[in-house]
Amino acid sequence: MTRHARTSDRNSTLRAAAARGAAAGLVGVAAMTVAEKLEQAVTQRPSSYVPARALLTLLGREPSDRDTPATWNHAMHWGTGALLGALRGVWAAIGIRGSHANATHTVVRLAFDQTVENATGVGAPPASWPSPERRVDVAHKTLYSFVTGLVADRWIAPRLQSRRGVTSH
């Protein structure tokens, strides 16, 4: 097989893994959404519209803190889930799998959300939140990442797992 053919096959595998990962991310978002709605029914915590306001700000709008754009909230919620699910799908294909990958993916998900929300100026750093709010956010994002990872690892074989570089030298 030529180098070009190997590169083309690798790229094709990565694209397919990203697509399956995006679908796995949507499964993860569905699980997270159900858990959020159950948690909100118990705790009476209101929905947050910070994700929607961040997306609208990225699109050049200037939403106020009073705006509650539910459709944009769903777009950000599901879009972020699919985007970061694609990353998790690539990880599954290259051999970054299992509970360690899921835990790392949780950190990526939390960091992505906080970067977007704080860079747009519509969110506050989590250290400034009340402790229960931080715990809820971490719990929901952990559920998303673990469900996404379980699905991705099941749907995507580690076809591109490398054995090069298993030692530091």
Protein backbone atom coordinates (compact mmCIF):
# COMPACT_ATOMS: atom_id res chain seq x y z
CA MET A 1 0.00 0.00 0.00
CA THR A 2 1.36 3.42 -0.88
CA ARG A 3 1.88 6.14 1.68
CA HIS A 4 -0.92 8.18 0.06
CA ALA A 5 -3.31 5.23 0.28
CA ARG A 6 -2.43 4.69 3.98
CA THR A 7 -2.98 8.38 4.72
CA SER A 8 -6.26 8.36 2.81
CA ASP A 9 -7.45 5.23 4.67
CA ARG A 10 -6.42 6.76 8.03
CA ASN A 11 -8.25 10.01 7.25
CA SER A 12 -11.35 8.08 6.17
CA THR A 13 -11.28 6.08 9.41
CA LEU A 14 -10.91 9.25 11.46
CA ARG A 15 -13.79 10.97 9.66
CA ALA A 16 -16.02 7.93 10.23
CA ALA A 17 -14.98 7.81 13.91
CA ALA A 18 -15.76 11.51 14.30
CA ALA A 19 -19.21 11.01 12.75
CA ARG A 20 -19.99 8.05 14.99
CA GLY A 21 -18.58 9.96 17.94
CA ALA A 22 -20.89 12.89 17.17
CA ALA A 23 -23.82 10.46 17.25
CA ALA A 24 -22.50 9.03 20.55
CA GLY A 25 -22.32 12.61 21.83
CA LEU A 26 -26.00 13.08 21.01
CA VAL A 27 -26.78 9.95 23.04
CA GLY A 28 -24.74 11.47 25.87
CA VAL A 29 -26.66 14.75 25.60
CA ALA A 30 -29.95 12.87 25.72
CA ALA A 31 -28.88 11.12 28.93
CA MET A 32 -27.65 14.40 30.42
CA THR A 33 -30.89 16.17 29.48
CA VAL A 34 -33.05 13.52 31.16
CA ALA A 35 -30.87 13.70 34.28
CA GLU A 36 -31.02 17.51 34.31
CA LYS A 37 -34.80 17.53 34.05
CA LEU A 38 -35.11 14.97 36.86
CA GLU A 39 -32.65 16.92 39.02
CA GLN A 40 -34.52 20.18 38.34
CA ALA A 41 -37.84 18.58 39.26
CA VAL A 42 -36.37 17.58 42.62
CA THR A 43 -34.26 20.65 43.41
CA GLN A 44 -36.46 23.28 41.72
CA ARG A 45 -33.28 24.69 40.13
CA PRO A 46 -34.22 26.86 37.13
CA SER A 47 -32.81 26.30 33.66
CA SER A 48 -29.65 28.19 32.77
CA TYR A 49 -29.64 30.23 29.59
CA VAL A 50 -25.94 31.08 29.75
CA PRO A 51 -25.16 28.57 26.94
CA ALA A 52 -27.71 30.24 24.64
CA ARG A 53 -26.42 33.70 25.48
CA ALA A 54 -22.86 32.55 24.75
CA LEU A 55 -23.90 31.16 21.36
CA LEU A 56 -25.83 34.31 20.49
CA THR A 57 -22.84 36.42 21.48
CA LEU A 58 -20.59 34.30 19.25
CA LEU A 59 -23.05 35.01 16.43
CA GLY A 60 -22.71 38.76 16.96
CA ARG A 61 -25.82 39.39 19.02
CA GLU A 62 -25.96 41.04 22.43
CA PRO A 63 -28.41 39.10 24.61
CA SER A 64 -29.31 40.47 28.01
CA ASP A 65 -29.16 38.47 31.23
CA ARG A 66 -32.96 38.44 31.18
CA ASP A 67 -33.20 36.73 27.78
CA THR A 68 -34.34 33.08 27.90
CA PRO A 69 -33.87 31.86 24.31
CA ALA A 70 -34.79 28.18 24.69
CA THR A 71 -34.21 27.23 21.04
CA TRP A 72 -30.68 28.69 21.11
CA ASN A 73 -30.07 26.89 24.40
CA HIS A 74 -30.92 23.59 22.73
CA ALA A 75 -28.74 24.45 19.73
CA MET A 76 -25.75 25.07 22.00
CA HIS A 77 -26.51 22.09 24.24
CA TRP A 78 -26.87 19.56 21.42
CA GLY A 79 -24.25 21.17 19.17
CA THR A 80 -21.59 21.10 21.87
CA GLY A 81 -22.51 17.51 22.69
CA ALA A 82 -22.10 16.44 19.07
CA LEU A 83 -18.88 18.43 18.59
CA LEU A 84 -17.17 17.02 21.67
CA GLY A 85 -18.65 13.60 20.93
CA ALA A 86 -16.77 13.73 17.62
CA LEU A 87 -13.56 14.25 19.58
CA ARG A 88 -14.38 11.27 21.80
CA GLY A 89 -15.06 9.19 18.68
CA VAL A 90 -11.61 9.99 17.32
CA TRP A 91 -10.14 9.06 20.68
CA ALA A 92 -11.90 5.69 20.54
CA ALA A 93 -10.46 5.01 17.08
CA ILE A 94 -6.91 5.86 18.11
CA GLY A 95 -7.04 3.85 21.33
CA ILE A 96 -7.85 6.53 23.92
CA ARG A 97 -10.68 4.59 25.50
CA GLY A 98 -12.32 3.46 28.71
CA SER A 99 -12.91 5.15 32.05
CA HIS A 100 -9.66 7.16 31.97
CA ALA A 101 -10.66 8.62 28.60
CA ASN A 102 -14.16 9.31 29.91
CA ALA A 103 -12.78 11.18 32.93
CA THR A 104 -10.46 13.21 30.72
CA HIS A 105 -13.35 13.93 28.36
CA THR A 106 -15.34 15.29 31.31
CA VAL A 107 -12.58 17.82 31.94
CA VAL A 108 -12.56 18.74 28.23
CA ARG A 109 -16.34 19.24 28.27
CA LEU A 110 -16.22 21.42 31.39
CA ALA A 111 -13.27 23.42 30.02
CA PHE A 112 -14.94 23.95 26.65
CA ASP A 113 -18.16 25.23 28.21
CA GLN A 114 -16.34 27.54 30.61
CA THR A 115 -14.01 28.86 27.92
CA VAL A 116 -16.89 29.76 25.61
CA GLU A 117 -19.08 31.19 28.36
CA ASN A 118 -16.31 33.25 29.94
CA ALA A 119 -14.64 34.35 26.69
CA THR A 120 -17.97 35.75 25.49
CA GLY A 121 -18.48 37.50 28.83
CA VAL A 122 -21.84 35.90 29.57
CA GLY A 123 -20.62 33.45 32.22
CA ALA A 124 -18.68 33.70 35.44
CA PRO A 125 -15.76 31.47 36.46
CA PRO A 126 -16.98 28.36 38.31
CA ALA A 127 -14.93 29.31 41.39
CA SER A 128 -17.38 32.18 41.87
CA TRP A 129 -20.46 29.92 41.75
CA PRO A 130 -22.18 28.54 44.82
CA SER A 131 -20.81 25.10 45.64
CA PRO A 132 -24.06 23.23 44.87
CA GLU A 133 -24.13 24.77 41.35
CA ARG A 134 -20.58 23.54 40.66
CA ARG A 135 -21.42 20.04 41.86
CA VAL A 136 -24.52 19.89 39.67
CA ASP A 137 -22.60 21.08 36.59
CA VAL A 138 -19.78 18.60 37.14
CA ALA A 139 -22.24 15.75 37.75
CA HIS A 140 -24.19 16.44 34.55
CA LYS A 141 -21.07 16.84 32.40
CA THR A 142 -19.61 13.65 33.92
CA LEU A 143 -22.75 11.75 32.98
CA TYR A 144 -22.57 13.18 29.44
CA SER A 145 -18.93 12.16 29.01
CA PHE A 146 -19.29 8.68 30.45
CA VAL A 147 -22.37 7.86 28.36
CA THR A 148 -20.74 9.33 25.26
CA GLY A 149 -17.59 7.32 25.95
CA LEU A 150 -19.41 4.06 26.58
CA VAL A 151 -21.31 4.43 23.30
CA ALA A 152 -18.26 5.56 21.32
CA ASP A 153 -16.11 2.71 22.64
CA ARG A 154 -18.84 0.24 21.69
CA TRP A 155 -19.48 1.68 18.21
CA ILE A 156 -15.88 2.44 17.21
CA ALA A 157 -13.06 -0.11 17.04
CA PRO A 158 -9.55 1.05 18.00
CA ARG A 159 -8.33 0.49 14.43
CA LEU A 160 -5.72 3.23 14.58
CA GLN A 161 -4.22 2.52 17.99
CA SER A 162 -0.50 3.04 17.77
CA ARG A 163 2.15 1.09 19.64
CA ARG A 164 4.83 3.67 18.84
CA GLY A 165 5.95 5.85 21.71
CA VAL A 166 4.83 3.55 24.53
CA THR A 167 7.95 4.59 26.39
CA SER A 168 9.28 8.09 26.86
CA HIS A 169 12.47 7.48 24.90
